[in-house]
Every structure is written in C-alpha cells, then in structure tokens.
C-alpha cells in the first residue's frame, strides 16, 4: 500500500475529529503530506467515518492528480493543496464544521483573544477570509477557497496562527502533522466556544493585553520556550 504510514496517520486524524465531536456524519476532512514524495493523503468524499480504512484514504499529487486509490478524494482537496503549496512548513490540514468556530465563520467575524487559553495556541485573533465573489464561486470554488485563505496570510505567520475561518463556510486548521492539525482544530473549537461565552457574560469584554498574549504563546512556542519537557 502506497504511503501506508501516512495513510494511517491521516485516518487517525480524521477519527480524532469525530471523537472530539467536531464532525457530524461525513462533514469535514483531514489530510497529510509527504513532502519528499510530493504526495498528499486525504479522506475520500462522503465515506462514513465508521467504515473508513487506511486503504480508502486517497493519494494525490500536488497538481490534484490521483496517484493511488479507487474512491473520489474529498471535494475540498484543491483547498488543501493550495495550503500545502503556500505554507511549506505544514504537514497536515484539518477542516471541520464544528459548531462554535463555524458560527464565527458564518458571522464573518475574527475570534478575539480574550484569554491565555487562546494565547497558548494562537499568536493573535483567528482571522476570517473575505467572502468569495460570485465569479470565484462559479469558477473553481474549492481552489478559490484556498486562495482566499492564503491571501489572509500574506501578512500573518501561518505557523503562529494555524487556523482560519472561511467567511460563510467553516474553519480550516493545519500543523506540522495531520495529528497536530486535528489537535489545533480541537483547540480552535474550544476557544471559539469560550469567546462566545465571554461575550455573553460581558459584551464589552476586551482582548487580552498584548504582553500577556505574547508571554503565553512564546513560553510554549518561542525560541526560548520553557513549557513542557525537553525533547531528546
């Protein structure tokens, strides 16, 4: 089986989205990339998660040509491919329609950083794309979705903010691996829910001061990070 390990990792990332309640029925998908081979493994379109096996994970090249697999890939494959092409440090992408993050996307509103839980994982508010034009929707919708995401990150670091809200649609997340992309999707939903609760308690809530935001993010992800154990 071509890219057996990557297929298994991608299957596990997809199942993690289900376990964490981020996916309903066949909504959502996760993928991973083998940079050396230039190949992407992604969930097949419309296949129930209960029945999904590593053999059913579809392998595509970066041009979207199916290299291995008998099923259609996720319809969001062109979006994933755009992210892999433009964000060279990422190794996995996760897309869900999780309730609270999707609500923010539908409201076309970035998620502010109200507290340190958000700051631990995202070095800034979660941005939202511009809505696609009628022409973009009619031409190559999934590709244009990826292009819209990449436009948001022309002035943002995708490794510091590994998530985005697609206006009127839903969130996409990414990370160094498919597992970490799924992890970021779980954290995104958690902070999206907390942001909603924060505003319901106090509609005038203000974002976290930048000094505290930086402290929490950089102690986990900065050059001199000291959170957790030293990796050997």
C-alpha atoms as a PDB file:
ATOM      1  CA  UNK A   1       0.000   0.000   0.000  1.00  0.00           C
ATOM      2  CA  UNK A   2       1.485   3.335  -1.106  1.00  0.00           C
ATOM      3  CA  UNK A   3       2.378   5.635   1.824  1.00  0.00           C
ATOM      4  CA  UNK A   4       0.947   3.182   4.365  1.00  0.00           C
ATOM      5  CA  UNK A   5       2.151   5.120   7.418  1.00  0.00           C
ATOM      6  CA  UNK A   6       0.858   8.459   6.129  1.00  0.00           C
ATOM      7  CA  UNK A   7      -2.495   6.898   5.289  1.00  0.00           C
ATOM      8  CA  UNK A   8      -2.766   5.505   8.805  1.00  0.00           C
ATOM      9  CA  UNK A   9      -1.847   8.888  10.302  1.00  0.00           C
ATOM     10  CA  UNK A  10      -4.452  10.651   8.168  1.00  0.00           C
ATOM     11  CA  UNK A  11      -7.112   8.101   9.103  1.00  0.00           C
ATOM     12  CA  UNK A  12      -6.332   8.626  12.796  1.00  0.00           C
ATOM     13  CA  UNK A  13      -6.532  12.429  12.386  1.00  0.00           C
ATOM     14  CA  UNK A  14      -9.954  12.099  10.786  1.00  0.00           C
ATOM     15  CA  UNK A  15     -11.148   9.799  13.554  1.00  0.00           C
ATOM     16  CA  UNK A  16      -9.858  12.233  16.191  1.00  0.00           C
ATOM     17  CA  UNK A  17     -12.137  14.908  14.747  1.00  0.00           C
ATOM     18  CA  UNK A  18     -15.056  12.521  15.220  1.00  0.00           C
ATOM     19  CA  UNK A  19     -14.026  11.511  18.750  1.00  0.00           C
ATOM     20  CA  UNK A  20     -13.842  15.149  19.807  1.00  0.00           C
ATOM     21  CA  UNK A  21     -17.288  15.948  18.440  1.00  0.00           C
ATOM     22  CA  UNK A  22     -16.084  18.271  15.686  1.00  0.00           C
ATOM     23  CA  UNK A  23     -17.596  16.257  12.841  1.00  0.00           C
ATOM     24  CA  UNK A  24     -21.201  15.300  12.164  1.00  0.00           C
ATOM     25  CA  UNK A  25     -21.952  12.464   9.719  1.00  0.00           C
ATOM     26  CA  UNK A  26     -19.478  12.917   6.823  1.00  0.00           C
ATOM     27  CA  UNK A  27     -18.781  16.622   7.395  1.00  0.00           C
ATOM     28  CA  UNK A  28     -15.125  17.626   7.407  1.00  0.00           C
ATOM     29  CA  UNK A  29     -11.846  16.021   6.410  1.00  0.00           C
ATOM     30  CA  UNK A  30      -8.174  15.797   7.295  1.00  0.00           C
ATOM     31  CA  UNK A  31      -5.122  15.281   5.127  1.00  0.00           C
ATOM     32  CA  UNK A  32      -1.363  14.873   5.390  1.00  0.00           C
ATOM     33  CA  UNK A  33       1.552  15.382   3.040  1.00  0.00           C
ATOM     34  CA  UNK A  34       4.763  13.528   2.298  1.00  0.00           C
ATOM     35  CA  UNK A  35       6.978  16.457   1.274  1.00  0.00           C
ATOM     36  CA  UNK A  36       9.758  14.255  -0.068  1.00  0.00           C
ATOM     37  CA  UNK A  37       7.399  12.448  -2.431  1.00  0.00           C
ATOM     38  CA  UNK A  38       5.205  15.480  -3.096  1.00  0.00           C
ATOM     39  CA  UNK A  39       2.094  13.414  -2.351  1.00  0.00           C
ATOM     40  CA  UNK A  40      -0.985  14.149  -0.240  1.00  0.00           C
ATOM     41  CA  UNK A  41      -3.214  11.646   1.578  1.00  0.00           C
ATOM     42  CA  UNK A  42      -6.801  12.742   2.177  1.00  0.00           C
ATOM     43  CA  UNK A  43     -10.147  11.349   3.277  1.00  0.00           C
ATOM     44  CA  UNK A  44     -12.392  10.098   0.459  1.00  0.00           C
ATOM     45  CA  UNK A  45     -15.522  12.105  -0.264  1.00  0.00           C
ATOM     46  CA  UNK A  46     -18.723  11.171   1.562  1.00  0.00           C
ATOM     47  CA  UNK A  47     -17.455   7.953   3.164  1.00  0.00           C
ATOM     48  CA  UNK A  48     -18.811   7.471   6.710  1.00  0.00           C
ATOM     49  CA  UNK A  49     -16.083   7.588   9.337  1.00  0.00           C
ATOM     50  CA  UNK A  50     -17.309   4.339  10.885  1.00  0.00           C
ATOM     51  CA  UNK A  51     -16.384   2.496   7.698  1.00  0.00           C
ATOM     52  CA  UNK A  52     -13.145   4.290   6.858  1.00  0.00           C
ATOM     53  CA  UNK A  53      -9.959   2.228   6.424  1.00  0.00           C
ATOM     54  CA  UNK A  54      -6.350   3.221   5.562  1.00  0.00           C
ATOM     55  CA  UNK A  55      -6.757   1.629   2.132  1.00  0.00           C
ATOM     56  CA  UNK A  56      -9.609   4.018   1.349  1.00  0.00           C
ATOM     57  CA  UNK A  57      -7.507   7.116   2.012  1.00  0.00           C
ATOM     58  CA  UNK A  58      -6.826   8.705  -1.379  1.00  0.00           C
ATOM     59  CA  UNK A  59      -3.325   9.691  -2.566  1.00  0.00           C
ATOM     60  CA  UNK A  60      -2.947  12.744  -4.803  1.00  0.00           C
ATOM     61  CA  UNK A  61      -0.030  14.703  -6.168  1.00  0.00           C
ATOM     62  CA  UNK A  62       0.186  18.462  -5.677  1.00  0.00           C
ATOM     63  CA  UNK A  63      -1.480  19.050  -9.037  1.00  0.00           C
ATOM     64  CA  UNK A  64      -4.559  17.148  -7.890  1.00  0.00           C
ATOM     65  CA  UNK A  65      -3.902  14.013  -9.954  1.00  0.00           C
ATOM     66  CA  UNK A  66      -4.958  10.829  -8.149  1.00  0.00           C
ATOM     67  CA  UNK A  67      -1.928   8.590  -7.767  1.00  0.00           C
ATOM     68  CA  UNK A  68      -3.473   5.797  -5.713  1.00  0.00           C
ATOM     69  CA  UNK A  69      -6.974   4.968  -4.539  1.00  0.00           C
ATOM     70  CA  UNK A  70     -10.251   3.885  -6.099  1.00  0.00           C
ATOM     71  CA  UNK A  71     -12.513   6.440  -4.399  1.00  0.00           C
ATOM     72  CA  UNK A  72     -13.037  10.112  -5.090  1.00  0.00           C
ATOM     73  CA  UNK A  73     -10.993  12.346  -2.777  1.00  0.00           C
ATOM     74  CA  UNK A  74     -12.644  14.918  -0.554  1.00  0.00           C
ATOM     75  CA  UNK A  75     -14.170  17.716  -2.594  1.00  0.00           C
ATOM     76  CA  UNK A  76     -12.001  20.063  -0.500  1.00  0.00           C
ATOM     77  CA  UNK A  77      -8.777  18.579  -1.923  1.00  0.00           C
ATOM     78  CA  UNK A  78      -7.987  21.716  -4.014  1.00  0.00           C
ATOM     79  CA  UNK A  79      -8.210  23.840  -0.861  1.00  0.00           C
ATOM     80  CA  UNK A  80      -5.804  21.531   0.998  1.00  0.00           C
ATOM     81  CA  UNK A  81      -3.396  21.571  -1.959  1.00  0.00           C
ATOM     82  CA  UNK A  82      -3.312  25.373  -2.025  1.00  0.00           C
ATOM     83  CA  UNK A  83      -2.381  25.415   1.656  1.00  0.00           C
ATOM     84  CA  UNK A  84       0.400  22.860   1.150  1.00  0.00           C
ATOM     85  CA  UNK A  85       1.790  24.868  -1.770  1.00  0.00           C
ATOM     86  CA  UNK A  86       1.755  28.205   0.060  1.00  0.00           C
ATOM     87  CA  UNK A  87       2.637  27.056   3.603  1.00  0.00           C
ATOM     88  CA  UNK A  88       5.792  24.952   3.112  1.00  0.00           C
ATOM     89  CA  UNK A  89       6.261  24.120   6.809  1.00  0.00           C
ATOM     90  CA  UNK A  90       2.902  22.433   7.337  1.00  0.00           C
ATOM     91  CA  UNK A  91       2.376  18.675   7.165  1.00  0.00           C
ATOM     92  CA  UNK A  92      -1.343  18.310   7.780  1.00  0.00           C
ATOM     93  CA  UNK A  93      -4.661  20.108   7.281  1.00  0.00           C
ATOM     94  CA  UNK A  94      -7.966  19.617   9.098  1.00  0.00           C
ATOM     95  CA  UNK A  95     -11.314  21.040   8.026  1.00  0.00           C
ATOM     96  CA  UNK A  96     -14.441  20.799  10.167  1.00  0.00           C
ATOM     97  CA  UNK A  97     -17.855  22.357  10.535  1.00  0.00           C
ATOM     98  CA  UNK A  98     -17.556  22.434  14.329  1.00  0.00           C
ATOM     99  CA  UNK A  99     -20.390  24.378  15.912  1.00  0.00           C
ATOM    100  CA  UNK A 100     -18.822  27.419  17.532  1.00  0.00           C
ATOM    101  CA  UNK A 101     -15.930  28.027  15.123  1.00  0.00           C
ATOM    102  CA  UNK A 102     -18.374  27.730  12.225  1.00  0.00           C
ATOM    103  CA  UNK A 103     -20.712  30.214  13.906  1.00  0.00           C
ATOM    104  CA  UNK A 104     -17.887  32.771  13.954  1.00  0.00           C
ATOM    105  CA  UNK A 105     -17.173  31.999  10.287  1.00  0.00           C
ATOM    106  CA  UNK A 106     -20.845  32.498   9.422  1.00  0.00           C
ATOM    107  CA  UNK A 107     -20.788  35.813  11.284  1.00  0.00           C
ATOM    108  CA  UNK A 108     -17.674  36.717   9.227  1.00  0.00           C
ATOM    109  CA  UNK A 109     -16.015  37.804  12.460  1.00  0.00           C
ATOM    110  CA  UNK A 110     -12.475  37.069  13.690  1.00  0.00           C
ATOM    111  CA  UNK A 111     -12.240  35.362  17.072  1.00  0.00           C
ATOM    112  CA  UNK A 112     -10.551  37.773  19.510  1.00  0.00           C
ATOM    113  CA  UNK A 113      -8.046  36.506  22.041  1.00  0.00           C
ATOM    114  CA  UNK A 114      -9.835  37.115  25.324  1.00  0.00           C
ATOM    115  CA  UNK A 115      -7.606  34.937  27.481  1.00  0.00           C
ATOM    116  CA  UNK A 116      -4.490  32.891  27.931  1.00  0.00           C
ATOM    117  CA  UNK A 117      -6.090  29.633  26.742  1.00  0.00           C
ATOM    118  CA  UNK A 118      -6.364  31.169  23.276  1.00  0.00           C
ATOM    119  CA  UNK A 119      -2.902  32.728  23.563  1.00  0.00           C
ATOM    120  CA  UNK A 120      -1.306  29.362  24.366  1.00  0.00           C
ATOM    121  CA  UNK A 121      -2.027  28.121  20.836  1.00  0.00           C
ATOM    122  CA  UNK A 122      -2.695  31.119  18.580  1.00  0.00           C
ATOM    123  CA  UNK A 123      -0.492  34.210  18.450  1.00  0.00           C
ATOM    124  CA  UNK A 124      -3.294  36.580  17.548  1.00  0.00           C
ATOM    125  CA  UNK A 125      -7.011  36.586  16.803  1.00  0.00           C
ATOM    126  CA  UNK A 126      -8.293  33.853  14.489  1.00  0.00           C
ATOM    127  CA  UNK A 127      -8.691  35.654  11.147  1.00  0.00           C
ATOM    128  CA  UNK A 128     -11.557  35.383   8.705  1.00  0.00           C
ATOM    129  CA  UNK A 129     -11.325  35.442   4.921  1.00  0.00           C
ATOM    130  CA  UNK A 130     -13.063  37.891   2.658  1.00  0.00           C
ATOM    131  CA  UNK A 131     -16.275  36.432   1.170  1.00  0.00           C
ATOM    132  CA  UNK A 132     -15.788  34.864  -2.241  1.00  0.00           C
ATOM    133  CA  UNK A 133     -17.239  36.725  -5.194  1.00  0.00           C
ATOM    134  CA  UNK A 134     -19.911  35.177  -7.401  1.00  0.00           C
ATOM    135  CA  UNK A 135     -17.265  34.740 -10.092  1.00  0.00           C
ATOM    136  CA  UNK A 136     -14.901  32.924  -7.727  1.00  0.00           C
ATOM    137  CA  UNK A 137     -17.695  30.643  -6.538  1.00  0.00           C
ATOM    138  CA  UNK A 138     -18.729  29.805 -10.086  1.00  0.00           C
ATOM    139  CA  UNK A 139     -15.213  29.233 -11.450  1.00  0.00           C
ATOM    140  CA  UNK A 140     -13.298  26.846  -9.168  1.00  0.00           C
ATOM    141  CA  UNK A 141     -14.873  27.138  -5.750  1.00  0.00           C
ATOM    142  CA  UNK A 142     -12.577  24.899  -3.679  1.00  0.00           C
ATOM    143  CA  UNK A 143      -9.420  26.288  -5.287  1.00  0.00           C
ATOM    144  CA  UNK A 144     -10.636  29.846  -4.741  1.00  0.00           C
ATOM    145  CA  UNK A 145     -11.331  28.998  -1.112  1.00  0.00           C
ATOM    146  CA  UNK A 146      -7.680  28.018  -0.697  1.00  0.00           C
ATOM    147  CA  UNK A 147      -6.570  31.176  -2.481  1.00  0.00           C
ATOM    148  CA  UNK A 148      -8.726  33.292  -0.162  1.00  0.00           C
ATOM    149  CA  UNK A 149      -7.125  31.636   2.860  1.00  0.00           C
ATOM    150  CA  UNK A 150      -3.629  32.232   1.514  1.00  0.00           C
ATOM    151  CA  UNK A 151      -4.419  35.919   0.903  1.00  0.00           C
ATOM    152  CA  UNK A 152      -5.216  36.304   4.609  1.00  0.00           C
ATOM    153  CA  UNK A 153      -1.722  35.062   5.469  1.00  0.00           C
ATOM    154  CA  UNK A 154       0.264  37.375   3.212  1.00  0.00           C
ATOM    155  CA  UNK A 155       0.901  39.441   6.364  1.00  0.00           C
ATOM    156  CA  UNK A 156       0.394  36.758   9.016  1.00  0.00           C
ATOM    157  CA  UNK A 157       2.542  33.790  10.036  1.00  0.00           C
ATOM    158  CA  UNK A 158       0.613  30.541   9.419  1.00  0.00           C
ATOM    159  CA  UNK A 159       2.785  28.715  11.952  1.00  0.00           C
ATOM    160  CA  UNK A 160       1.878  31.227  14.687  1.00  0.00           C
ATOM    161  CA  UNK A 161      -1.832  31.237  13.835  1.00  0.00           C
ATOM    162  CA  UNK A 162      -2.522  27.743  12.448  1.00  0.00           C
ATOM    163  CA  UNK A 163      -6.212  28.356  11.782  1.00  0.00           C
ATOM    164  CA  UNK A 164      -8.593  30.456   9.724  1.00  0.00           C
ATOM    165  CA  UNK A 165     -12.320  30.987   9.359  1.00  0.00           C
ATOM    166  CA  UNK A 166     -13.639  30.896   5.806  1.00  0.00           C
ATOM    167  CA  UNK A 167     -16.396  33.502   5.612  1.00  0.00           C
ATOM    168  CA  UNK A 168     -19.828  31.927   5.454  1.00  0.00           C
ATOM    169  CA  UNK A 169     -18.305  28.462   5.487  1.00  0.00           C
ATOM    170  CA  UNK A 170     -16.232  26.933   8.289  1.00  0.00           C
ATOM    171  CA  UNK A 171     -12.730  26.656   9.788  1.00  0.00           C
ATOM    172  CA  UNK A 172      -9.539  25.169   8.394  1.00  0.00           C
ATOM    173  CA  UNK A 173      -6.575  24.329  10.637  1.00  0.00           C
ATOM    174  CA  UNK A 174      -3.104  22.979   9.971  1.00  0.00           C
ATOM    175  CA  UNK A 175       0.074  21.858  11.704  1.00  0.00           C
ATOM    176  CA  UNK A 176       3.382  20.024  11.225  1.00  0.00           C
ATOM    177  CA  UNK A 177       1.478  16.712  11.000  1.00  0.00           C
ATOM    178  CA  UNK A 178      -2.078  15.572  10.357  1.00  0.00           C
ATOM    179  CA  UNK A 179      -2.394  14.769  14.072  1.00  0.00           C
ATOM    180  CA  UNK A 180      -1.346  18.288  15.049  1.00  0.00           C
ATOM    181  CA  UNK A 181      -3.737  19.792  12.512  1.00  0.00           C
ATOM    182  CA  UNK A 182      -6.559  17.843  14.168  1.00  0.00           C
ATOM    183  CA  UNK A 183      -5.289  18.948  17.591  1.00  0.00           C
ATOM    184  CA  UNK A 184      -5.419  22.590  16.501  1.00  0.00           C
ATOM    185  CA  UNK A 185      -8.973  22.091  15.222  1.00  0.00           C
ATOM    186  CA  UNK A 186      -9.991  20.821  18.669  1.00  0.00           C
ATOM    187  CA  UNK A 187      -8.352  23.782  20.422  1.00  0.00           C
ATOM    188  CA  UNK A 188      -9.901  26.218  17.948  1.00  0.00           C
ATOM    189  CA  UNK A 189     -13.401  24.943  18.714  1.00  0.00           C
ATOM    190  CA  UNK A 190     -12.703  25.234  22.443  1.00  0.00           C
ATOM    191  CA  UNK A 191     -11.550  28.859  22.262  1.00  0.00           C
ATOM    192  CA  UNK A 192     -14.378  29.743  19.838  1.00  0.00           C
ATOM    193  CA  UNK A 193     -16.887  28.440  22.383  1.00  0.00           C
ATOM    194  CA  UNK A 194     -15.215  30.294  25.255  1.00  0.00           C
ATOM    195  CA  UNK A 195     -15.172  33.528  23.237  1.00  0.00           C
ATOM    196  CA  UNK A 196     -18.938  33.217  22.712  1.00  0.00           C
ATOM    197  CA  UNK A 197     -19.471  32.646  26.429  1.00  0.00           C
ATOM    198  CA  UNK A 198     -17.193  35.569  27.298  1.00  0.00           C
ATOM    199  CA  UNK A 199     -19.215  37.964  25.149  1.00  0.00           C
ATOM    200  CA  UNK A 200     -22.489  36.613  26.517  1.00  0.00           C
ATOM    201  CA  UNK A 201     -21.309  37.433  30.043  1.00  0.00           C
ATOM    202  CA  UNK A 202     -19.863  40.825  29.120  1.00  0.00           C
ATOM    203  CA  UNK A 203     -20.425  42.200  25.634  1.00  0.00           C
ATOM    204  CA  UNK A 204     -17.768  44.841  26.342  1.00  0.00           C
ATOM    205  CA  UNK A 205     -15.004  42.306  27.053  1.00  0.00           C
ATOM    206  CA  UNK A 206     -11.623  43.423  25.780  1.00  0.00           C
ATOM    207  CA  UNK A 207      -8.871  41.334  24.171  1.00  0.00           C
ATOM    208  CA  UNK A 208      -6.016  40.120  26.337  1.00  0.00           C
ATOM    209  CA  UNK A 209      -3.213  42.680  26.770  1.00  0.00           C
ATOM    210  CA  UNK A 210      -0.504  42.056  24.186  1.00  0.00           C
ATOM    211  CA  UNK A 211       2.238  41.498  26.761  1.00  0.00           C
ATOM    212  CA  UNK A 212       0.305  38.642  28.382  1.00  0.00           C
ATOM    213  CA  UNK A 213      -0.716  37.252  24.989  1.00  0.00           C
ATOM    214  CA  UNK A 214       2.933  37.185  23.862  1.00  0.00           C
ATOM    215  CA  UNK A 215       4.100  35.656  27.145  1.00  0.00           C
ATOM    216  CA  UNK A 216       1.740  32.711  26.932  1.00  0.00           C
ATOM    217  CA  UNK A 217       2.349  31.982  23.277  1.00  0.00           C
ATOM    218  CA  UNK A 218       6.125  32.352  23.377  1.00  0.00           C
ATOM    219  CA  UNK A 219       6.638  30.305  26.541  1.00  0.00           C
ATOM    220  CA  UNK A 220       5.235  27.352  24.566  1.00  0.00           C
ATOM    221  CA  UNK A 221       6.310  28.136  21.005  1.00  0.00           C
ATOM    222  CA  UNK A 222       9.099  30.736  21.109  1.00  0.00           C
ATOM    223  CA  UNK A 223      12.822  30.259  20.643  1.00  0.00           C
ATOM    224  CA  UNK A 224      13.298  30.195  24.414  1.00  0.00           C
ATOM    225  CA  UNK A 225      10.147  28.183  25.176  1.00  0.00           C
ATOM    226  CA  UNK A 226      10.149  26.528  28.580  1.00  0.00           C
ATOM    227  CA  UNK A 227       6.707  24.902  28.787  1.00  0.00           C
ATOM    228  CA  UNK A 228       6.735  21.113  28.974  1.00  0.00           C
ATOM    229  CA  UNK A 229       9.716  18.764  28.876  1.00  0.00           C
ATOM    230  CA  UNK A 230      12.913  18.941  26.841  1.00  0.00           C
ATOM    231  CA  UNK A 231      12.674  16.718  23.768  1.00  0.00           C
ATOM    232  CA  UNK A 232      15.592  14.367  23.321  1.00  0.00           C
END
